[in-house]
Amino acid sequence: MPNTIVPANATGLPTPCRYDRSAVMRRAVVFARAMIEREREHYLRRWSAEIRYGGKRPAMKLPTWRTAMSEGLRFAWAEAKKARKPAPGAPAISAELAKVELRIFSIHAAERLTRTESAMLPALHVRAAELSRAALAHVHH
């Protein structure tokens, strides 16, 4: 996972409103590993007789790490949003900020970054900082 200059939780929001980036990523990895393991176990259970007695069976196709991590991030992000206290005021700003932070998380979770994702990352950090400042300004008014 690549390091970034501006971590996702240093976006200027007050402490109770921040997402714990490392906790979300750890939870996403747990979900991704569980997904791959579940697919492997399902295949072995479904084709156990053919494996044991030499019958024909399809090749085991496990989800790629990128796919599993994407799904894991979706579930981890949903958990984090449920656990997080809602920021007072500006629900539209908070919703857009959550979408931008999720996109940043998913880019960080990728095994290999595409050229488009690499180019998009600085702009996403800038947008997250802008939205954080707007949310913070809205909270203090």
Protein backbone atom coordinates (compact mmCIF):
# COMPACT_ATOMS: atom_id res chain seq x y z
CA MET A 1 0.00 0.00 0.00
CA PRO A 2 1.55 3.32 -1.00
CA ASN A 3 2.22 6.04 1.53
CA THR A 4 0.69 9.45 1.01
CA ILE A 5 1.75 12.93 1.99
CA VAL A 6 -1.67 13.76 3.46
CA PRO A 7 -3.32 10.85 5.29
CA ALA A 8 -7.08 10.62 4.88
CA ASN A 9 -7.78 11.37 8.56
CA ALA A 10 -5.74 14.58 8.55
CA THR A 11 -8.37 16.46 6.61
CA GLY A 12 -9.05 19.18 9.14
CA LEU A 13 -12.21 17.78 10.68
CA PRO A 14 -12.64 17.92 14.44
CA THR A 15 -11.45 14.74 16.21
CA PRO A 16 -14.88 13.10 16.77
CA CYS A 17 -15.68 13.50 13.06
CA ARG A 18 -12.53 11.87 11.68
CA TYR A 19 -12.41 8.38 10.28
CA ASP A 20 -9.64 6.19 11.60
CA ARG A 21 -8.00 5.34 8.28
CA SER A 22 -5.82 2.53 9.60
CA ALA A 23 -8.77 0.86 11.38
CA VAL A 24 -10.89 1.03 8.22
CA MET A 25 -8.05 -0.43 6.14
CA ARG A 26 -7.39 -3.23 8.67
CA ARG A 27 -11.08 -4.11 8.70
CA ALA A 28 -11.17 -4.07 4.89
CA VAL A 29 -8.22 -6.48 4.74
CA VAL A 30 -10.04 -8.80 7.16
CA PHE A 31 -13.14 -8.71 4.94
CA ALA A 32 -11.07 -9.29 1.78
CA ARG A 33 -9.24 -12.29 3.24
CA ALA A 34 -12.52 -13.74 4.51
CA MET A 35 -14.08 -13.33 1.07
CA ILE A 36 -11.22 -15.17 -0.66
CA GLU A 37 -11.22 -17.91 1.99
CA ARG A 38 -15.01 -18.29 1.73
CA GLU A 39 -14.76 -18.69 -2.07
CA ARG A 40 -12.00 -21.28 -1.67
CA GLU A 41 -13.98 -23.26 0.90
CA HIS A 42 -17.10 -23.11 -1.26
CA TYR A 43 -15.19 -24.53 -4.23
CA LEU A 44 -13.64 -27.32 -2.16
CA ARG A 45 -17.02 -28.21 -0.63
CA ARG A 46 -18.83 -28.14 -3.98
CA TRP A 47 -16.27 -30.20 -5.86
CA SER A 48 -15.01 -32.43 -3.03
CA ALA A 49 -16.12 -35.72 -4.63
CA GLU A 50 -14.53 -34.85 -7.97
CA ILE A 51 -11.34 -33.78 -6.23
CA ARG A 52 -11.25 -36.95 -4.17
CA TYR A 53 -12.10 -39.40 -6.94
CA GLY A 54 -10.53 -37.70 -9.94
CA GLY A 55 -13.64 -36.43 -11.73
CA LYS A 56 -13.81 -33.43 -14.02
CA ARG A 57 -14.18 -30.10 -12.31
CA PRO A 58 -13.71 -26.46 -13.29
CA ALA A 59 -10.55 -24.66 -12.30
CA MET A 60 -10.70 -22.79 -9.00
CA LYS A 61 -11.27 -19.11 -9.72
CA LEU A 62 -10.74 -16.96 -6.68
CA PRO A 63 -11.47 -13.25 -6.72
CA THR A 64 -8.44 -11.03 -7.30
CA TRP A 65 -7.04 -9.12 -4.37
CA ARG A 66 -8.21 -5.87 -5.93
CA THR A 67 -11.79 -7.15 -6.22
CA ALA A 68 -11.81 -8.59 -2.71
CA MET A 69 -10.30 -5.43 -1.24
CA SER A 70 -12.82 -3.29 -3.08
CA GLU A 71 -15.67 -5.28 -1.55
CA GLY A 72 -13.93 -5.30 1.82
CA LEU A 73 -13.57 -1.54 1.73
CA ARG A 74 -17.24 -1.18 0.91
CA PHE A 75 -18.19 -3.19 4.00
CA ALA A 76 -15.55 -1.59 6.26
CA TRP A 77 -16.58 1.88 5.12
CA ALA A 78 -20.23 1.09 5.91
CA GLU A 79 -19.23 -0.07 9.39
CA ALA A 80 -17.12 3.05 9.96
CA LYS A 81 -19.97 5.32 8.91
CA LYS A 82 -22.34 3.54 11.30
CA ALA A 83 -19.87 3.79 14.17
CA ARG A 84 -18.96 7.43 13.50
CA LYS A 85 -20.95 10.17 15.13
CA PRO A 86 -22.59 12.31 12.45
CA ALA A 87 -21.02 15.71 11.96
CA PRO A 88 -23.41 18.47 12.92
CA GLY A 89 -24.66 20.55 10.00
CA ALA A 90 -23.88 20.40 6.31
CA PRO A 91 -25.06 16.86 5.49
CA ALA A 92 -24.37 17.42 1.77
CA ILE A 93 -20.76 18.37 2.51
CA SER A 94 -20.36 15.39 4.83
CA ALA A 95 -21.82 13.02 2.23
CA GLU A 96 -19.51 14.28 -0.51
CA LEU A 97 -16.53 14.17 1.85
CA ALA A 98 -17.35 10.56 2.71
CA LYS A 99 -17.44 9.68 -1.01
CA VAL A 100 -14.09 11.38 -1.63
CA GLU A 101 -12.49 9.66 1.38
CA LEU A 102 -13.83 6.29 0.23
CA ARG A 103 -12.27 6.87 -3.20
CA ILE A 104 -8.95 7.74 -1.54
CA PHE A 105 -9.16 4.57 0.58
CA SER A 106 -9.88 2.40 -2.45
CA ILE A 107 -6.94 3.85 -4.39
CA HIS A 108 -4.65 3.14 -1.44
CA ALA A 109 -5.95 -0.43 -1.25
CA ALA A 110 -5.10 -1.24 -4.87
CA GLU A 111 -2.27 -3.67 -5.54
CA ARG A 112 -1.12 -1.59 -8.48
CA LEU A 113 -2.21 1.91 -9.26
CA THR A 114 -3.34 2.75 -12.74
CA ARG A 115 -2.09 5.90 -14.38
CA THR A 116 -5.55 7.45 -14.02
CA GLU A 117 -5.69 6.67 -10.29
CA SER A 118 -2.21 8.09 -9.74
CA ALA A 119 -3.20 11.30 -11.49
CA MET A 120 -6.51 11.46 -9.60
CA LEU A 121 -5.06 11.05 -6.09
CA PRO A 122 -3.64 14.59 -5.56
CA ALA A 123 -6.88 16.15 -6.77
CA LEU A 124 -8.86 13.94 -4.38
CA HIS A 125 -6.69 15.04 -1.45
CA VAL A 126 -7.20 18.68 -2.39
CA ARG A 127 -10.97 18.16 -2.69
CA ALA A 128 -11.08 16.36 0.67
CA ALA A 129 -9.21 19.24 2.31
CA GLU A 130 -11.60 21.79 0.74
CA LEU A 131 -14.66 19.87 1.92
CA SER A 132 -13.16 19.47 5.38
CA ARG A 133 -12.55 23.18 5.67
CA ALA A 134 -16.10 23.87 4.47
CA ALA A 135 -17.54 21.40 6.99
CA LEU A 136 -15.40 22.85 9.77
CA ALA A 137 -16.47 26.39 8.85
CA HIS A 138 -20.10 25.29 8.82
CA VAL A 139 -19.73 23.69 12.26
CA HIS A 140 -18.24 26.83 13.79
CA HIS A 141 -20.93 29.14 12.41
